[in-house]
Amino acid sequence: MKKALFFLIVFLVAGYGFVMKTQTGQDFFLDRLLKMMTQGQEQLLVDGLDVHVCGASSPLSMIDKAQSCVFVSAGDKSFVVDIGPGSPRVIRRLGLPLQNLEAVLLTHFHSDHISGLGDLNFNSWVSGRTKRMKVLGPSGVEQVVDGFNQAYSLSRSYRTSHHGADILPPEFSAMESKIIEPGVVYEEDGLVIKAFRVDHSPIEPAIGYRFDYKGRSVAISGDTVVSDEYQRAVEGVDLLLSDALSTVLVSKMSDALSANGNKRTAKLIGDVLDYHASTTNLVEMARLANVKQLAFYHMVPMPANPFMENIFRRGVPDDVVITDDGTRFILPANSEEIVIDE
């Protein structure tokens, strides 16, 4: 038995060496790997709402996570709420459908909510989008979109010149903006999207979004503190994805920096307490608003390990979800079920 095991180990080691160290072995393995990767899988549409967190972190994070992005699909229509640094890469990794992207919905214009806009537009264009990408947001969205269009104008022209207008049509390469106000901003095929005002003072205006489709609902806050208007907007929602701040962690980080003489950074971090909702306040608001499932994204700071997560969870019930890049929520039509894939 021991002799057979020895020869098996020798065989496996030799096989590994053949694959990794020889051109023939490398090509053999690479061809099969690429075949699996490029076969593609049919996108199975969820009858209901399909929600992916594509950016769970914030600018204070010390770990390699994407920032501020939620991807929502309702039937065959897809939307992106905010598009922070690193989130286009997560969208690509998850294989989410970009060719049928209806719109990008921006909550406000902090860099950690908009900096991936150029990459998302390019990725969607390459994926075969057959119209200009719409970017909706409060007043100021036109300035943001115009700036990205100008910054990427040469790149877009190079791509079309290289690959041809039949592959990358120039008429679909630039984005178009639309200013929205609180209220219904999209209504089609049973899907209703409402924008609601949030308090991210001194940033004004700032909004969140609520999706209602086939008896299911999800609200996405953007950045805000708890307010009466926020609570009313999410009343009875199945899933609330809210930005969340740990008062303990942020306060102690600020105090430690100040004690070590770094007053400037200490103030910058301490100021964050002013305009993000604390975890415990969110839990109470969600209870009062009859929210079925509360989940945190865009966490300040993003927990870097189980120890930090335990501190972040102080005063937070176990059923509240702390999301990560790729966390998925499936809300089947006309039911109360929420499938969570973490």
Protein backbone atom coordinates (compact mmCIF):
# COMPACT_ATOMS: atom_id res chain seq x y z
CA MET A 1 0.00 0.00 0.00
CA LYS A 2 2.79 2.38 0.96
CA LYS A 3 4.68 1.50 -2.22
CA ALA A 4 1.62 2.24 -4.39
CA LEU A 5 1.11 5.56 -2.62
CA PHE A 6 4.76 6.44 -3.18
CA PHE A 7 4.52 5.80 -6.92
CA LEU A 8 1.26 7.78 -7.11
CA ILE A 9 2.97 10.77 -5.50
CA VAL A 10 5.93 10.46 -7.87
CA PHE A 11 3.53 10.30 -10.82
CA LEU A 12 1.65 13.41 -9.69
CA VAL A 13 4.85 15.37 -9.10
CA ALA A 14 6.18 14.35 -12.50
CA GLY A 15 2.86 15.29 -14.12
CA TYR A 16 2.92 18.69 -12.44
CA GLY A 17 6.47 19.24 -13.68
CA PHE A 18 5.44 18.26 -17.22
CA VAL A 19 2.52 20.70 -17.22
CA MET A 20 4.29 23.62 -15.59
CA LYS A 21 7.84 23.31 -16.94
CA THR A 22 7.53 22.18 -20.56
CA GLN A 23 6.13 24.04 -23.54
CA THR A 24 4.05 21.04 -24.61
CA GLY A 25 2.55 20.62 -21.15
CA GLN A 26 1.87 24.34 -20.77
CA ASP A 27 0.12 24.53 -24.15
CA PHE A 28 -1.93 21.41 -23.37
CA PHE A 29 -3.14 22.83 -20.07
CA LEU A 30 -3.62 26.39 -21.41
CA ASP A 31 -5.73 25.25 -24.37
CA ARG A 32 -8.11 23.35 -22.11
CA LEU A 33 -8.24 26.13 -19.55
CA LEU A 34 -9.08 28.74 -22.20
CA LYS A 35 -11.70 26.45 -23.72
CA MET A 36 -13.49 26.27 -20.37
CA MET A 37 -13.17 30.02 -19.82
CA THR A 38 -14.44 31.04 -23.27
CA GLN A 39 -17.28 28.57 -23.66
CA GLY A 40 -19.44 31.04 -21.73
CA GLN A 41 -22.44 30.25 -19.67
CA GLU A 42 -25.96 31.21 -20.59
CA GLN A 43 -27.18 34.02 -18.37
CA LEU A 44 -30.09 32.59 -16.44
CA LEU A 45 -32.58 35.37 -15.81
CA VAL A 46 -34.10 35.54 -12.36
CA ASP A 47 -37.87 36.00 -12.30
CA GLY A 48 -37.71 38.82 -9.78
CA LEU A 49 -34.85 40.99 -8.58
CA ASP A 50 -31.22 39.85 -8.77
CA VAL A 51 -28.83 42.03 -6.77
CA HIS A 52 -25.02 41.86 -6.68
CA VAL A 53 -22.79 43.96 -4.46
CA CYS A 54 -19.83 44.89 -6.67
CA GLY A 55 -18.20 47.37 -4.29
CA ALA A 56 -18.61 46.87 -0.55
CA SER A 57 -15.80 49.07 0.72
CA SER A 58 -15.00 52.74 1.31
CA PRO A 59 -12.01 55.10 0.95
CA LEU A 60 -10.84 54.32 4.50
CA SER A 61 -10.27 50.66 3.68
CA MET A 62 -6.78 49.22 4.03
CA ILE A 63 -7.67 46.07 2.07
CA ASP A 64 -8.05 45.44 -1.64
CA LYS A 65 -11.80 45.73 -2.06
CA ALA A 66 -13.88 47.64 -4.58
CA GLN A 67 -15.91 50.65 -3.53
CA SER A 68 -19.56 51.72 -3.77
CA CYS A 69 -21.32 49.69 -6.43
CA VAL A 70 -24.52 47.63 -6.63
CA PHE A 71 -25.67 45.81 -9.76
CA VAL A 72 -29.45 45.24 -10.02
CA SER A 73 -31.17 43.09 -12.63
CA ALA A 74 -34.94 43.01 -13.10
CA GLY A 75 -35.77 40.45 -15.75
CA ASP A 76 -33.67 41.25 -18.81
CA LYS A 77 -32.85 44.81 -17.72
CA SER A 78 -29.76 45.72 -15.71
CA PHE A 79 -28.79 48.82 -13.74
CA VAL A 80 -25.72 49.91 -11.84
CA VAL A 81 -26.03 52.09 -8.74
CA ASP A 82 -22.74 53.98 -8.32
CA ILE A 83 -19.46 52.78 -9.77
CA GLY A 84 -16.54 53.22 -7.39
CA PRO A 85 -12.86 52.28 -7.80
CA GLY A 86 -12.35 48.61 -8.64
CA SER A 87 -16.03 47.84 -9.18
CA PRO A 88 -15.87 47.43 -12.99
CA ARG A 89 -13.33 44.65 -12.40
CA VAL A 90 -15.74 42.91 -9.99
CA ILE A 91 -18.58 43.20 -12.52
CA ARG A 92 -16.41 41.56 -15.15
CA ARG A 93 -15.24 38.83 -12.75
CA LEU A 94 -18.84 37.97 -11.89
CA GLY A 95 -19.80 37.82 -15.58
CA LEU A 96 -22.70 40.22 -15.13
CA PRO A 97 -24.57 41.26 -18.29
CA LEU A 98 -23.31 44.60 -19.57
CA GLN A 99 -24.68 44.47 -23.12
CA ASN A 100 -28.21 45.18 -21.87
CA LEU A 101 -27.27 47.85 -19.34
CA GLU A 102 -30.22 50.24 -19.13
CA ALA A 103 -28.63 52.97 -17.01
CA VAL A 104 -26.13 53.92 -14.35
CA LEU A 105 -27.77 55.57 -11.35
CA LEU A 106 -25.49 57.88 -9.37
CA THR A 107 -26.33 58.83 -5.80
CA HIS A 108 -23.87 61.75 -5.56
CA PHE A 109 -20.47 62.72 -6.91
CA HIS A 110 -17.81 61.79 -4.38
CA SER A 111 -14.94 60.13 -6.24
CA ASP A 112 -15.51 56.75 -4.56
CA HIS A 113 -18.95 56.62 -6.23
CA ILE A 114 -18.04 57.70 -9.78
CA SER A 115 -14.40 56.95 -10.60
CA GLY A 116 -15.15 53.68 -12.42
CA LEU A 117 -17.57 55.34 -14.84
CA GLY A 118 -15.14 55.47 -17.77
CA ASP A 119 -14.18 51.80 -17.41
CA LEU A 120 -17.82 50.70 -17.10
CA ASN A 121 -18.77 52.60 -20.25
CA PHE A 122 -15.88 51.00 -22.14
CA ASN A 123 -16.65 47.49 -20.87
CA SER A 124 -20.33 47.82 -21.77
CA TRP A 125 -19.48 49.19 -25.22
CA VAL A 126 -17.09 46.27 -25.86
CA SER A 127 -19.77 43.83 -24.65
CA GLY A 128 -22.06 44.95 -27.49
CA ARG A 129 -24.31 47.65 -26.08
CA THR A 130 -26.35 49.07 -28.98
CA LYS A 131 -27.16 52.49 -27.57
CA ARG A 132 -25.42 55.19 -25.57
CA MET A 133 -25.00 54.45 -21.89
CA LYS A 134 -27.38 56.59 -19.85
CA VAL A 135 -26.14 58.06 -16.58
CA LEU A 136 -28.84 59.37 -14.25
CA GLY A 137 -28.21 61.44 -11.16
CA PRO A 138 -29.03 64.65 -9.31
CA SER A 139 -27.97 68.08 -10.52
CA GLY A 140 -24.28 67.96 -11.39
CA VAL A 141 -24.45 64.66 -13.27
CA GLU A 142 -24.06 66.47 -16.59
CA GLN A 143 -20.73 67.96 -15.47
CA VAL A 144 -19.44 64.54 -14.37
CA VAL A 145 -20.49 62.79 -17.60
CA ASP A 146 -19.17 65.57 -19.83
CA GLY A 147 -15.83 65.35 -18.04
CA PHE A 148 -15.54 61.60 -18.51
CA ASN A 149 -16.61 61.86 -22.15
CA GLN A 150 -13.92 64.44 -22.81
CA ALA A 151 -11.24 62.54 -20.91
CA TYR A 152 -11.94 59.31 -22.81
CA SER A 153 -12.61 60.85 -26.24
CA LEU A 154 -9.19 60.05 -27.70
CA SER A 155 -9.25 56.52 -26.29
CA ARG A 156 -12.65 55.88 -27.86
CA SER A 157 -11.46 57.08 -31.25
CA TYR A 158 -8.35 54.88 -31.04
CA ARG A 159 -10.47 51.81 -30.24
CA THR A 160 -12.80 52.34 -33.19
CA SER A 161 -9.91 53.05 -35.57
CA HIS A 162 -8.17 49.86 -34.48
CA HIS A 163 -11.11 47.42 -34.35
CA GLY A 164 -13.51 48.99 -36.85
CA ALA A 165 -16.82 50.80 -36.57
CA ASP A 166 -18.77 47.57 -37.09
CA ILE A 167 -17.23 46.13 -33.89
CA LEU A 168 -17.09 49.35 -31.83
CA PRO A 169 -19.60 51.82 -33.29
CA PRO A 170 -18.52 55.35 -32.39
CA GLU A 171 -22.13 56.54 -32.01
CA PHE A 172 -22.50 54.35 -28.91
CA SER A 173 -19.15 55.16 -27.35
CA ALA A 174 -19.98 58.32 -25.40
CA MET A 175 -22.31 58.52 -22.40
CA GLU A 176 -25.39 60.69 -22.08
CA SER A 177 -26.55 62.25 -18.81
CA LYS A 178 -29.98 62.96 -17.37
CA ILE A 179 -30.72 65.08 -14.30
CA ILE A 180 -33.34 63.53 -12.04
CA GLU A 181 -35.35 64.70 -9.03
CA PRO A 182 -36.80 62.65 -6.16
CA GLY A 183 -39.74 60.59 -7.40
CA VAL A 184 -40.21 58.03 -10.16
CA VAL A 185 -37.18 58.06 -12.50
CA TYR A 186 -37.90 54.86 -14.46
CA GLU A 187 -41.09 52.90 -15.15
CA GLU A 188 -41.22 50.15 -17.73
CA ASP A 189 -42.36 46.50 -17.98
CA GLY A 190 -43.50 46.41 -14.38
CA LEU A 191 -40.28 47.87 -12.96
CA VAL A 192 -40.53 51.13 -11.02
CA ILE A 193 -37.42 52.94 -9.79
CA LYS A 194 -37.83 55.84 -7.40
CA ALA A 195 -35.17 58.28 -6.26
CA PHE A 196 -35.42 59.53 -2.68
CA ARG A 197 -33.55 62.33 -0.96
CA VAL A 198 -30.91 61.43 1.63
CA ASP A 199 -28.93 63.59 4.05
CA HIS A 200 -25.23 63.57 3.21
CA SER A 201 -24.65 67.20 4.23
CA PRO A 202 -22.74 69.22 3.25
CA ILE A 203 -22.98 67.26 -0.02
CA GLU A 204 -26.13 68.41 -1.76
CA PRO A 205 -28.00 66.99 -3.54
CA ALA A 206 -27.64 63.31 -2.63
CA ILE A 207 -30.18 60.57 -3.30
CA GLY A 208 -30.87 56.88 -2.87
CA TYR A 209 -32.89 54.53 -5.09
CA ARG A 210 -35.70 52.06 -4.57
CA PHE A 211 -36.56 49.31 -7.10
CA ASP A 212 -40.02 47.69 -7.08
CA TYR A 213 -40.63 44.76 -9.44
CA LYS A 214 -43.10 41.85 -9.40
CA GLY A 215 -43.98 42.25 -5.77
CA ARG A 216 -40.34 42.54 -4.61
CA SER A 217 -38.30 45.57 -3.59
CA VAL A 218 -34.74 46.67 -2.87
CA ALA A 219 -33.48 50.06 -1.70
CA ILE A 220 -29.91 51.32 -2.02
CA SER A 221 -28.92 54.27 0.11
CA GLY A 222 -25.76 55.75 -1.27
CA ASP A 223 -24.23 57.83 1.55
CA THR A 224 -26.49 59.23 4.26
CA VAL A 225 -27.29 59.56 7.92
CA VAL A 226 -30.55 58.22 9.30
CA SER A 227 -33.43 60.63 8.68
CA ASP A 228 -37.23 60.62 8.63
CA GLU A 229 -37.23 60.93 4.84
CA TYR A 230 -34.84 57.98 4.49
CA GLN A 231 -37.03 55.89 6.80
CA ARG A 232 -40.20 56.71 4.86
CA ALA A 233 -38.56 55.85 1.54
CA VAL A 234 -37.57 52.35 2.64
CA GLU A 235 -40.82 51.50 4.46
CA GLY A 236 -41.63 47.80 4.03
CA VAL A 237 -38.76 47.15 1.60
CA ASP A 238 -37.63 43.52 1.23
CA LEU A 239 -33.93 44.35 1.10
CA LEU A 240 -32.15 47.50 2.24
CA LEU A 241 -28.53 47.91 1.22
CA SER A 242 -27.23 50.77 3.31
CA ASP A 243 -23.87 52.38 3.79
CA ALA A 244 -22.82 51.85 7.39
CA LEU A 245 -20.27 53.36 9.76
CA SER A 246 -18.77 51.87 12.89
CA THR A 247 -18.61 54.74 15.37
CA VAL A 248 -16.23 52.75 17.58
CA LEU A 249 -13.70 51.98 14.85
CA VAL A 250 -13.73 55.42 13.24
CA SER A 251 -13.47 57.24 16.59
CA LYS A 252 -10.60 55.08 17.81
CA MET A 253 -8.75 55.43 14.49
CA SER A 254 -9.07 59.21 14.69
CA ASP A 255 -7.96 59.28 18.34
CA ALA A 256 -4.94 57.07 17.64
CA LEU A 257 -3.79 59.27 14.75
CA SER A 258 -4.21 62.40 16.83
CA ALA A 259 -2.25 60.90 19.74
CA ASN A 260 0.59 60.12 17.34
CA GLY A 261 0.72 63.70 16.09
CA ASN A 262 -1.09 63.18 12.79
CA LYS A 263 -3.72 65.83 13.46
CA ARG A 264 -4.55 66.41 9.80
CA THR A 265 -5.50 62.80 9.00
CA ALA A 266 -7.18 62.47 12.39
CA LYS A 267 -9.51 65.35 11.48
CA LEU A 268 -10.24 63.93 8.03
CA ILE A 269 -11.23 60.59 9.53
CA GLY A 270 -13.14 62.15 12.42
CA ASP A 271 -15.18 64.28 10.01
CA VAL A 272 -16.55 61.09 8.43
CA LEU A 273 -18.70 60.61 11.54
CA ASP A 274 -20.79 63.61 10.44
CA TYR A 275 -22.36 62.20 7.31
CA HIS A 276 -22.59 58.41 7.44
CA ALA A 277 -25.22 56.35 9.26
CA SER A 278 -23.99 54.39 12.27
CA THR A 279 -24.66 50.66 12.36
CA THR A 280 -26.83 50.84 15.48
CA ASN A 281 -28.94 53.75 14.18
CA LEU A 282 -29.54 51.79 10.98
CA VAL A 283 -30.68 48.72 12.88
CA GLU A 284 -33.27 50.79 14.77
CA MET A 285 -34.43 52.59 11.62
CA ALA A 286 -34.81 49.29 9.75
CA ARG A 287 -36.93 47.94 12.60
CA LEU A 288 -39.21 50.98 12.61
CA ALA A 289 -39.52 50.88 8.80
CA ASN A 290 -40.38 47.15 8.74
CA VAL A 291 -37.40 46.34 6.51
CA LYS A 292 -37.33 42.57 5.87
CA GLN A 293 -33.56 42.25 5.38
CA LEU A 294 -30.90 44.80 6.28
CA ALA A 295 -27.47 44.52 4.69
CA PHE A 296 -24.43 46.78 4.99
CA TYR A 297 -22.26 47.82 2.05
CA HIS A 298 -19.87 50.75 1.57
CA MET A 299 -18.69 50.12 5.11
CA VAL A 300 -16.63 52.70 6.98
CA PRO A 301 -14.16 51.19 7.56
CA MET A 302 -14.41 47.90 5.69
CA PRO A 303 -13.66 45.14 8.25
CA ALA A 304 -10.26 43.71 7.36
CA ASN A 305 -10.47 40.50 9.42
CA PRO A 306 -12.80 38.61 11.80
CA PHE A 307 -11.58 40.65 14.78
CA MET A 308 -12.51 43.92 13.08
CA GLU A 309 -15.82 42.45 11.92
CA ASN A 310 -16.70 41.54 15.51
CA ILE A 311 -16.16 45.18 16.50
CA PHE A 312 -18.12 46.38 13.47
CA ARG A 313 -21.01 44.11 14.55
CA ARG A 314 -21.32 45.58 18.06
CA GLY A 315 -25.02 46.10 18.74
CA VAL A 316 -25.96 44.56 15.36
CA PRO A 317 -28.21 41.46 15.18
CA ASP A 318 -26.76 38.31 13.65
CA ASP A 319 -29.25 38.37 10.75
CA VAL A 320 -27.87 41.66 9.38
CA VAL A 321 -25.64 40.85 6.42
CA ILE A 322 -22.16 42.34 6.15
CA THR A 323 -21.55 42.14 2.42
CA ASP A 324 -18.40 41.59 0.42
CA ASP A 325 -17.53 42.07 -3.23
CA GLY A 326 -19.72 39.52 -5.02
CA THR A 327 -22.42 39.05 -2.36
CA ARG A 328 -25.66 38.20 -4.17
CA PHE A 329 -29.30 38.55 -3.17
CA ILE A 330 -32.04 36.83 -5.21
CA LEU A 331 -35.61 38.00 -4.59
CA PRO A 332 -37.97 35.67 -6.50
CA ALA A 333 -41.11 37.29 -7.87
CA ASN A 334 -44.25 37.47 -5.73
CA SER A 335 -42.78 35.73 -2.69
CA GLU A 336 -41.09 36.59 0.59
CA GLU A 337 -37.97 34.50 -0.03
CA ILE A 338 -34.53 36.12 -0.12
CA VAL A 339 -31.70 33.87 -1.26
CA ILE A 340 -28.33 35.12 -0.02
CA ASP A 341 -25.12 33.92 -1.66
CA GLU A 342 -22.14 35.22 0.28
